[in-house]
Amino acid sequence: MATVYSFRGYRYDSDKVGRIRDVVTQPYDKIPDTLREEYLQRHPKNFVRVIKNRDYDEAAGFMDKWIDEGVLAREAEPALYVYEQVFSFEGGQLSRLGFIGLVSLGDEDLVVRGHERVLDKPLEDRLNLIRRTHANEGLVFTLFSDTELKVDVVLREYSETRDPVYEFEDDFGVLNRLWKLNVVDKMDEIREILKGKALYIADGHHRFRTSEVFHEECLEKGWQCAMPESFDKRLVALFNMESEGVRILATHRAVFNLTDFDSKSLVQELEEWFEVIPCESEGEMLQALPAGAQQVGLVISGSPLRAYLLKLKSGAATDPAFMPGLEGPSRGLDVSLLHDGILKPHLGLGQEEVASQKYINYFRDSSAMLGALREGRYQLGFFLNPTSLQQVRDVSEAGERMPQKSTDFYPKLLTGLVFMKMDIEG
């Protein structure tokens, strides 16, 4: 049951920082060093100084200083925050409309299901930050199912009759709008619609798990919640998975650093379980890829590049000798086909090797990855279709986990629009 709480959020004061687009950021895990430096140069109070700071004490210091200066100001009354992103997609324009609120980590009826493995290193990083800041600075992107679009109607009617508190286009051409919703009957209506509904994490598995661990640590220390905004809550953004604007992009894999790699042997080995179909060109392979499930595109570096379509043979999907130990909905994912059916058994790249980031880079743009393969920067490129929303739901419901980078929800939710600071007695 998803009970969502309003809260007194902290937001940037536009009069003191100028353009909001200059102080907000992409999610912390989507900020490479080059973008971090760009953010640092963009504005002295850019939120990257908090969320992507190697010195956690300094990060907390920035947040506290900006609050003391009134740069970050707390709302006078609790609210939910309507959040819309308008973006271009496959030649058209889409709108993704949701809202931001809190969920209670101590609520036994709360059901939040994830689909991604949580890794120790990023978990420890986010734990160190929350321990210093006592804040939820980044959004956990969650989904719910509302087939009648009732929540969408409430949010749309509200937003169309009021001016947003923020409205700007970000670095990727996405129009972002934020409204403060503090009308009690509207908030109650949303809560009523969401009764009995589970939440599914789209992005932010590490952020959510961090809050769970910190909640446990606070209880062990005997700390108390001084206000509704405290360690027993988690800041989340909620979107209806039935809405047209919820989209997932494919994430392709480029492989490097393989020793004693023999492409001919790989192709021969793959023929045990796959129809290995040579393609006249990389373009032919990319055109054929979306035509069916249970298939992966392969491009081998060289001059010229060699392209193949790897189509799972009939019967292999149910053969226990193929991808042994993998059962349930995960077995039907193309990304599982790649990781458990190809990378691990044929290239020796299991979960630990993939997590080490020594062998695989990820690409959203297939053209960019093909260019890198032509330049010889990678030995192999694997091309995938996007994971579907139904697959995300099925895997989450089954309590299973997908490999890393199985879903790329687009666009990303910005960080710094609104955040929750905890009041703690301890």
Protein backbone atom coordinates (compact mmCIF):
# COMPACT_ATOMS: atom_id res chain seq x y z
CA MET A 1 0.00 0.00 0.00
CA ALA A 2 1.53 3.29 -1.10
CA THR A 3 0.71 5.98 1.48
CA VAL A 4 2.34 9.18 0.28
CA TYR A 5 3.00 12.02 2.67
CA SER A 6 3.25 15.72 1.95
CA PHE A 7 6.28 17.50 3.36
CA ARG A 8 7.93 20.87 3.84
CA GLY A 9 10.50 20.71 1.11
CA TYR A 10 13.62 22.80 0.68
CA ARG A 11 13.96 24.63 -2.63
CA TYR A 12 16.34 27.11 -4.20
CA ASP A 13 15.31 30.75 -3.93
CA SER A 14 15.35 32.00 -7.52
CA ASP A 15 15.93 35.57 -6.37
CA LYS A 16 19.24 34.53 -4.80
CA VAL A 17 20.61 32.09 -7.39
CA GLY A 18 19.15 33.33 -10.66
CA ARG A 19 18.37 30.63 -13.22
CA ILE A 20 17.34 27.36 -11.59
CA ARG A 21 18.76 25.39 -14.53
CA ASP A 22 22.22 26.56 -13.43
CA VAL A 23 22.03 24.99 -9.96
CA VAL A 24 20.23 21.66 -10.54
CA THR A 25 21.90 18.52 -11.90
CA GLN A 26 21.44 15.10 -13.40
CA PRO A 27 21.26 12.23 -10.84
CA TYR A 28 24.60 11.68 -9.06
CA ASP A 29 25.28 8.40 -10.88
CA LYS A 30 24.86 10.12 -14.25
CA ILE A 31 27.50 12.77 -13.58
CA PRO A 32 30.93 11.85 -14.98
CA ASP A 33 33.94 13.92 -13.96
CA THR A 34 33.68 16.13 -17.04
CA LEU A 35 30.05 17.06 -16.28
CA ARG A 36 30.89 17.57 -12.61
CA GLU A 37 33.55 20.11 -13.55
CA GLU A 38 31.08 21.84 -15.85
CA TYR A 39 28.54 22.09 -13.02
CA LEU A 40 31.19 23.47 -10.66
CA GLN A 41 32.05 26.20 -13.15
CA ARG A 42 28.41 26.94 -13.97
CA HIS A 43 27.34 28.30 -10.58
CA PRO A 44 29.00 28.62 -7.13
CA LYS A 45 25.91 27.09 -5.52
CA ASN A 46 25.32 24.27 -7.97
CA PHE A 47 23.92 21.21 -6.17
CA VAL A 48 26.76 19.03 -7.44
CA ARG A 49 28.80 20.38 -4.52
CA VAL A 50 26.49 18.35 -2.28
CA ILE A 51 25.65 15.21 -4.23
CA LYS A 52 28.98 14.56 -5.98
CA ASN A 53 31.50 15.65 -3.38
CA ARG A 54 34.31 13.34 -2.32
CA ASP A 55 34.46 15.19 1.02
CA TYR A 56 31.17 14.31 2.74
CA ASP A 57 31.70 16.80 5.56
CA GLU A 58 32.23 19.56 3.02
CA ALA A 59 29.07 18.47 1.19
CA ALA A 60 27.05 18.80 4.39
CA GLY A 61 28.73 22.13 5.06
CA PHE A 62 27.60 23.53 1.73
CA MET A 63 24.02 22.43 2.36
CA ASP A 64 23.93 23.90 5.88
CA LYS A 65 25.54 27.16 4.75
CA TRP A 66 23.08 27.62 1.90
CA ILE A 67 20.18 26.97 4.28
CA ASP A 68 21.55 29.53 6.76
CA GLU A 69 21.91 32.06 3.95
CA GLY A 70 18.38 31.45 2.69
CA VAL A 71 19.64 30.19 -0.64
CA LEU A 72 17.81 26.98 0.16
CA ALA A 73 14.50 27.84 1.80
CA ARG A 74 12.02 25.57 3.53
CA GLU A 75 8.35 25.72 2.60
CA ALA A 76 6.05 27.19 5.23
CA GLU A 77 3.52 24.38 4.83
CA PRO A 78 3.51 20.74 3.69
CA ALA A 79 2.96 20.00 0.04
CA LEU A 80 3.33 17.46 -2.72
CA TYR A 81 5.19 18.62 -5.81
CA VAL A 82 3.82 18.00 -9.30
CA TYR A 83 6.70 17.30 -11.71
CA GLU A 84 6.40 17.29 -15.49
CA GLN A 85 9.02 16.63 -18.13
CA VAL A 86 8.26 17.35 -21.79
CA PHE A 87 10.70 15.73 -24.21
CA SER A 88 11.29 14.62 -27.77
CA PHE A 89 11.10 10.90 -28.46
CA GLU A 90 11.29 9.04 -31.77
CA GLY A 91 10.22 12.03 -33.81
CA GLY A 92 7.38 13.13 -31.52
CA GLN A 93 6.89 14.96 -28.24
CA LEU A 94 5.86 13.30 -24.99
CA SER A 95 4.96 14.48 -21.50
CA ARG A 96 5.74 12.54 -18.34
CA LEU A 97 3.69 13.84 -15.41
CA GLY A 98 4.07 12.66 -11.83
CA PHE A 99 4.60 14.01 -8.35
CA ILE A 100 7.09 14.07 -5.48
CA GLY A 101 6.34 13.12 -1.88
CA LEU A 102 7.49 10.99 1.04
CA VAL A 103 6.85 7.35 1.92
CA SER A 104 7.25 5.93 5.42
CA LEU A 105 10.00 3.35 5.82
CA GLY A 106 8.36 2.14 9.03
CA ASP A 107 5.01 1.47 7.37
CA GLU A 108 4.46 -2.31 7.34
CA ASP A 109 1.96 -1.92 4.49
CA LEU A 110 4.45 -0.13 2.22
CA VAL A 111 5.38 -2.29 -0.78
CA VAL A 112 8.38 -1.07 -2.79
CA ARG A 113 9.76 -3.56 -5.27
CA GLY A 114 13.08 -3.27 -7.09
CA HIS A 115 14.61 -5.02 -10.09
CA GLU A 116 18.29 -4.10 -9.84
CA ARG A 117 21.14 -5.48 -7.74
CA VAL A 118 22.51 -3.10 -5.10
CA LEU A 119 26.31 -2.88 -5.16
CA ASP A 120 28.46 -2.31 -2.08
CA LYS A 121 30.58 0.59 -3.34
CA PRO A 122 27.81 3.00 -4.40
CA LEU A 123 25.76 1.98 -1.36
CA GLU A 124 28.59 2.96 0.98
CA ASP A 125 29.07 6.24 -0.89
CA ARG A 126 25.42 7.24 -0.47
CA LEU A 127 25.43 6.08 3.16
CA ASN A 128 28.37 8.32 3.96
CA LEU A 129 26.54 11.26 2.40
CA ILE A 130 23.22 10.72 4.21
CA ARG A 131 25.04 10.23 7.52
CA ARG A 132 26.59 13.71 7.13
CA THR A 133 23.73 15.65 5.54
CA HIS A 134 20.69 14.04 7.18
CA ALA A 135 18.88 14.71 3.94
CA ASN A 136 17.25 13.04 0.96
CA GLU A 137 18.81 15.14 -1.75
CA GLY A 138 18.12 12.84 -4.73
CA LEU A 139 14.83 11.41 -5.96
CA VAL A 140 13.98 7.73 -6.03
CA PHE A 141 12.09 7.30 -9.32
CA THR A 142 9.16 4.95 -8.64
CA LEU A 143 6.26 3.65 -10.73
CA PHE A 144 2.72 2.63 -9.87
CA SER A 145 -0.05 1.13 -11.97
CA ASP A 146 -3.19 3.21 -12.49
CA THR A 147 -4.85 1.89 -15.64
CA GLU A 148 -7.68 4.42 -15.48
CA LEU A 149 -5.16 7.30 -15.28
CA LYS A 150 -6.99 8.80 -12.30
CA VAL A 151 -3.86 10.28 -10.72
CA ASP A 152 -2.83 11.70 -14.09
CA VAL A 153 -6.16 13.52 -14.36
CA VAL A 154 -5.83 15.07 -10.91
CA LEU A 155 -2.29 16.22 -11.60
CA ARG A 156 -3.10 17.55 -15.06
CA GLU A 157 -6.16 19.49 -13.88
CA TYR A 158 -4.17 21.03 -11.04
CA SER A 159 -1.12 21.98 -13.10
CA GLU A 160 -3.13 23.46 -15.97
CA THR A 161 -4.77 26.02 -13.69
CA ARG A 162 -1.65 27.26 -11.88
CA ASP A 163 1.75 28.68 -12.72
CA PRO A 164 4.72 26.43 -11.96
CA VAL A 165 7.26 27.48 -9.35
CA TYR A 166 10.00 26.41 -11.77
CA GLU A 167 9.97 26.08 -15.54
CA PHE A 168 13.12 25.67 -17.63
CA GLU A 169 14.81 23.59 -20.30
CA ASP A 170 17.74 21.47 -19.15
CA ASP A 171 21.00 20.58 -20.92
CA PHE A 172 19.33 17.78 -22.89
CA GLY A 173 16.47 19.87 -24.25
CA VAL A 174 13.94 18.51 -21.74
CA LEU A 175 11.39 21.03 -20.46
CA ASN A 176 11.06 20.66 -16.68
CA ARG A 177 8.14 22.10 -14.71
CA LEU A 178 7.49 21.93 -10.95
CA TRP A 179 4.30 22.94 -9.12
CA LYS A 180 3.64 23.06 -5.37
CA LEU A 181 0.43 21.17 -4.60
CA ASN A 182 -0.85 22.09 -1.14
CA VAL A 183 -4.61 21.74 -1.62
CA VAL A 184 -5.68 19.24 1.02
CA ASP A 185 -8.59 17.63 -0.86
CA LYS A 186 -6.41 17.12 -3.96
CA MET A 187 -3.67 15.46 -1.90
CA ASP A 188 -6.26 13.26 -0.18
CA GLU A 189 -7.71 12.28 -3.56
CA ILE A 190 -4.30 11.15 -4.78
CA ARG A 191 -3.71 9.13 -1.62
CA GLU A 192 -7.09 7.43 -1.98
CA ILE A 193 -6.39 6.43 -5.58
CA LEU A 194 -3.02 4.93 -4.59
CA LYS A 195 -4.41 2.82 -1.75
CA GLY A 196 -3.36 -0.79 -2.11
CA LYS A 197 -0.92 -0.12 -4.94
CA ALA A 198 2.70 -1.27 -4.94
CA LEU A 199 5.58 0.94 -6.01
CA TYR A 200 8.23 -0.27 -8.42
CA ILE A 201 11.68 1.34 -8.43
CA ALA A 202 12.67 2.56 -11.87
CA ASP A 203 15.85 4.43 -10.87
CA GLY A 204 17.40 4.90 -7.45
CA HIS A 205 17.81 1.41 -5.99
CA HIS A 206 20.94 2.48 -4.09
CA ARG A 207 19.28 5.65 -2.80
CA PHE A 208 16.29 3.71 -1.48
CA ARG A 209 18.41 1.01 0.15
CA THR A 210 20.60 3.72 1.69
CA SER A 211 17.55 5.21 3.41
CA GLU A 212 16.51 1.80 4.71
CA VAL A 213 19.96 1.18 6.20
CA PHE A 214 20.16 4.68 7.69
CA HIS A 215 16.69 4.21 9.19
CA GLU A 216 17.90 1.03 10.88
CA GLU A 217 21.05 2.79 12.16
CA CYS A 218 19.01 5.64 13.66
CA LEU A 219 16.69 3.24 15.47
CA GLU A 220 19.67 1.32 16.86
CA LYS A 221 21.08 4.60 18.23
CA GLY A 222 17.77 5.42 19.89
CA TRP A 223 17.26 8.55 17.79
CA GLN A 224 13.78 10.05 17.55
CA CYS A 225 11.91 11.76 14.70
CA ALA A 226 11.44 15.39 15.70
CA MET A 227 9.18 16.29 12.76
CA PRO A 228 7.29 14.46 9.99
CA GLU A 229 10.37 15.04 7.81
CA SER A 230 12.86 12.68 9.39
CA PHE A 231 14.85 9.47 9.01
CA ASP A 232 11.71 7.32 8.91
CA LYS A 233 10.71 8.78 5.53
CA ARG A 234 12.12 8.59 2.00
CA LEU A 235 11.78 11.17 -0.76
CA VAL A 236 10.31 9.58 -3.91
CA ALA A 237 8.94 10.65 -7.27
CA LEU A 238 5.90 8.69 -8.43
CA PHE A 239 4.81 8.18 -12.05
CA ASN A 240 2.09 6.06 -13.57
CA MET A 241 3.62 3.22 -15.60
CA GLU A 242 0.45 3.15 -17.71
CA SER A 243 1.08 6.69 -18.99
CA GLU A 244 2.38 7.21 -22.50
CA GLY A 245 5.29 9.34 -21.30
CA VAL A 246 7.07 6.56 -19.35
CA ARG A 247 9.71 5.26 -21.73
CA ILE A 248 12.78 3.01 -21.49
CA LEU A 249 15.79 3.23 -23.80
CA ALA A 250 18.11 0.40 -24.77
CA THR A 251 21.58 0.29 -23.24
CA HIS A 252 24.20 -1.36 -25.44
CA ARG A 253 27.44 -2.98 -24.21
CA ALA A 254 30.95 -2.50 -25.58
CA VAL A 255 33.55 -5.04 -24.42
CA PHE A 256 37.29 -4.44 -24.03
CA ASN A 257 40.36 -5.74 -22.19
CA LEU A 258 39.71 -9.38 -23.15
CA THR A 259 42.92 -11.43 -23.22
CA ASP A 260 43.52 -14.24 -25.74
CA PHE A 261 40.25 -13.37 -27.43
CA ASP A 262 39.43 -15.30 -30.62
CA SER A 263 36.36 -14.01 -32.44
CA LYS A 264 36.07 -17.10 -34.67
CA SER A 265 35.96 -19.38 -31.65
CA LEU A 266 33.31 -17.21 -30.01
CA VAL A 267 31.06 -17.39 -33.08
CA GLN A 268 31.46 -21.17 -33.23
CA GLU A 269 30.63 -21.55 -29.54
CA LEU A 270 27.55 -19.36 -29.82
CA GLU A 271 26.12 -21.63 -32.52
CA GLU A 272 25.28 -24.23 -29.86
CA TRP A 273 22.40 -22.12 -28.56
CA PHE A 274 21.94 -19.36 -31.14
CA GLU A 275 21.22 -18.99 -34.79
CA VAL A 276 24.23 -16.88 -35.72
CA ILE A 277 23.01 -14.89 -38.72
CA PRO A 278 25.64 -12.86 -40.62
CA CYS A 279 24.44 -9.41 -41.72
CA GLU A 280 25.56 -7.46 -44.76
CA SER A 281 26.09 -4.39 -42.60
CA GLU A 282 25.68 -3.05 -39.10
CA GLY A 283 22.63 -1.15 -40.33
CA GLU A 284 20.98 -4.37 -41.46
CA MET A 285 21.56 -5.87 -38.03
CA LEU A 286 20.10 -2.83 -36.26
CA GLN A 287 17.02 -2.90 -38.49
CA ALA A 288 16.43 -6.60 -37.81
CA LEU A 289 16.99 -6.36 -34.04
CA PRO A 290 13.56 -5.00 -32.99
CA ALA A 291 11.72 -7.57 -35.11
CA GLY A 292 11.71 -10.23 -32.39
CA ALA A 293 12.41 -11.04 -28.76
CA GLN A 294 15.19 -13.28 -27.47
CA GLN A 295 17.83 -11.92 -29.82
CA VAL A 296 20.96 -9.80 -29.53
CA GLY A 297 23.04 -7.91 -32.08
CA LEU A 298 26.79 -8.58 -32.22
CA VAL A 299 29.45 -6.49 -33.94
CA ILE A 300 33.10 -7.62 -33.91
CA SER A 301 35.79 -4.99 -34.26
CA GLY A 302 38.08 -5.07 -37.29
CA SER A 303 38.37 -3.72 -40.80
CA PRO A 304 35.67 -4.06 -41.84
CA LEU A 305 33.38 -4.60 -38.87
CA ARG A 306 31.52 -7.92 -38.82
CA ALA A 307 27.85 -7.87 -37.80
CA TYR A 308 25.63 -10.76 -36.69
CA LEU A 309 22.15 -11.28 -35.34
CA LEU A 310 22.14 -13.81 -32.51
CA LYS A 311 18.71 -15.42 -32.34
CA LEU A 312 18.01 -17.93 -29.58
CA LYS A 313 17.26 -21.37 -31.00
CA SER A 314 13.91 -22.98 -30.46
CA GLY A 315 13.90 -24.98 -27.23
CA ALA A 316 16.96 -23.28 -25.74
CA ALA A 317 14.87 -20.97 -23.57
CA THR A 318 13.45 -23.96 -21.65
CA ASP A 319 16.59 -26.13 -21.66
CA PRO A 320 18.02 -26.25 -18.10
CA ALA A 321 21.52 -26.61 -19.55
CA PHE A 322 21.25 -23.08 -20.97
CA MET A 323 21.60 -20.27 -18.41
CA PRO A 324 21.50 -22.78 -15.51
CA GLY A 325 20.16 -21.41 -12.25
CA LEU A 326 18.23 -18.60 -13.93
CA GLU A 327 14.48 -19.04 -13.65
CA GLY A 328 11.31 -17.01 -13.72
CA PRO A 329 10.69 -13.82 -15.71
CA SER A 330 14.40 -12.93 -15.75
CA ARG A 331 15.00 -15.83 -18.11
CA GLY A 332 12.98 -14.11 -20.82
CA LEU A 333 14.98 -10.87 -20.82
CA ASP A 334 17.29 -10.06 -23.72
CA VAL A 335 19.69 -8.53 -21.22
CA SER A 336 19.78 -11.84 -19.32
CA LEU A 337 20.37 -13.62 -22.61
CA LEU A 338 23.45 -11.45 -23.06
CA HIS A 339 24.84 -11.57 -19.52
CA ASP A 340 23.97 -15.14 -18.51
CA GLY A 341 23.95 -16.73 -21.96
CA ILE A 342 26.95 -15.05 -23.58
CA LEU A 343 29.15 -12.82 -21.40
CA LYS A 344 29.51 -15.19 -18.46
CA PRO A 345 29.87 -18.62 -20.14
CA HIS A 346 31.77 -17.57 -23.26
CA LEU A 347 33.79 -14.50 -22.23
CA GLY A 348 34.27 -15.14 -18.51
CA LEU A 349 32.51 -11.90 -17.56
CA GLY A 350 30.35 -12.77 -14.58
CA GLN A 351 28.73 -10.45 -12.06
CA GLU A 352 31.99 -9.45 -10.35
CA GLU A 353 33.80 -8.77 -13.62
CA VAL A 354 30.92 -6.66 -14.92
CA ALA A 355 30.72 -4.70 -11.67
CA SER A 356 34.47 -3.99 -11.76
CA GLN A 357 33.95 -1.70 -14.80
CA LYS A 358 37.21 -3.07 -16.29
CA TYR A 359 35.65 -4.84 -19.26
CA ILE A 360 32.38 -3.15 -20.28
CA ASN A 361 31.27 0.34 -21.19
CA TYR A 362 27.66 1.28 -21.79
CA PHE A 363 26.20 3.22 -24.69
CA ARG A 364 22.73 4.65 -25.20
CA ASP A 365 23.54 5.71 -28.78
CA SER A 366 24.13 2.78 -31.15
CA SER A 367 25.86 5.07 -33.67
CA ALA A 368 28.34 6.26 -31.06
CA MET A 369 29.18 2.69 -30.11
CA LEU A 370 29.66 1.69 -33.75
CA GLY A 371 32.03 4.63 -34.16
CA ALA A 372 34.06 3.48 -31.15
CA LEU A 373 34.21 -0.05 -32.60
CA ARG A 374 35.46 1.29 -35.95
CA GLU A 375 38.17 3.19 -34.10
CA GLY A 376 39.27 -0.07 -32.45
CA ARG A 377 38.56 1.12 -28.92
CA TYR A 378 36.52 -2.02 -28.21
CA GLN A 379 36.75 -5.65 -29.24
CA LEU A 380 33.03 -6.42 -29.32
CA GLY A 381 29.75 -4.58 -29.28
CA PHE A 382 26.44 -6.10 -28.17
CA PHE A 383 23.23 -4.35 -29.18
CA LEU A 384 19.98 -4.79 -27.28
CA ASN A 385 16.31 -3.93 -27.50
CA PRO A 386 14.91 -1.94 -24.54
CA THR A 387 13.55 -3.83 -21.56
CA SER A 388 9.77 -3.36 -21.47
CA LEU A 389 7.75 -1.91 -18.59
CA GLN A 390 5.88 -5.21 -18.27
CA GLN A 391 9.19 -7.04 -17.90
CA VAL A 392 10.25 -4.60 -15.17
CA ARG A 393 7.00 -5.27 -13.36
CA ASP A 394 7.17 -9.07 -13.78
CA VAL A 395 10.77 -9.30 -12.54
CA SER A 396 10.03 -7.00 -9.60
CA GLU A 397 6.92 -8.97 -8.63
CA ALA A 398 8.93 -12.20 -8.70
CA GLY A 399 11.60 -10.72 -6.42
CA GLU A 400 14.27 -11.31 -9.05
CA ARG A 401 17.10 -8.99 -10.10
CA MET A 402 18.23 -7.89 -13.53
CA PRO A 403 21.87 -7.37 -14.53
CA GLN A 404 23.34 -3.88 -14.23
CA LYS A 405 22.10 -1.23 -16.67
CA SER A 406 19.09 -3.28 -17.75
CA THR A 407 16.79 -0.27 -17.83
CA ASP A 408 17.42 3.30 -18.91
CA PHE A 409 14.34 5.35 -18.11
CA TYR A 410 14.33 8.53 -20.16
CA PRO A 411 14.60 11.37 -19.37
CA LYS A 412 16.34 11.35 -15.99
CA LEU A 413 14.77 13.17 -13.05
CA LEU A 414 16.75 16.24 -12.06
CA THR A 415 18.34 16.60 -8.63
CA GLY A 416 18.02 19.81 -6.65
CA LEU A 417 14.47 20.82 -7.57
CA VAL A 418 13.25 19.98 -4.07
CA PHE A 419 14.71 17.89 -1.26
CA MET A 420 13.91 16.70 2.25
CA LYS A 421 15.99 17.62 5.31
CA MET A 422 15.52 15.48 8.40
CA ASP A 423 14.69 16.76 11.89
CA ILE A 424 16.24 14.29 14.34
CA GLU A 425 16.45 14.18 18.14
CA GLY A 426 19.37 12.10 19.29
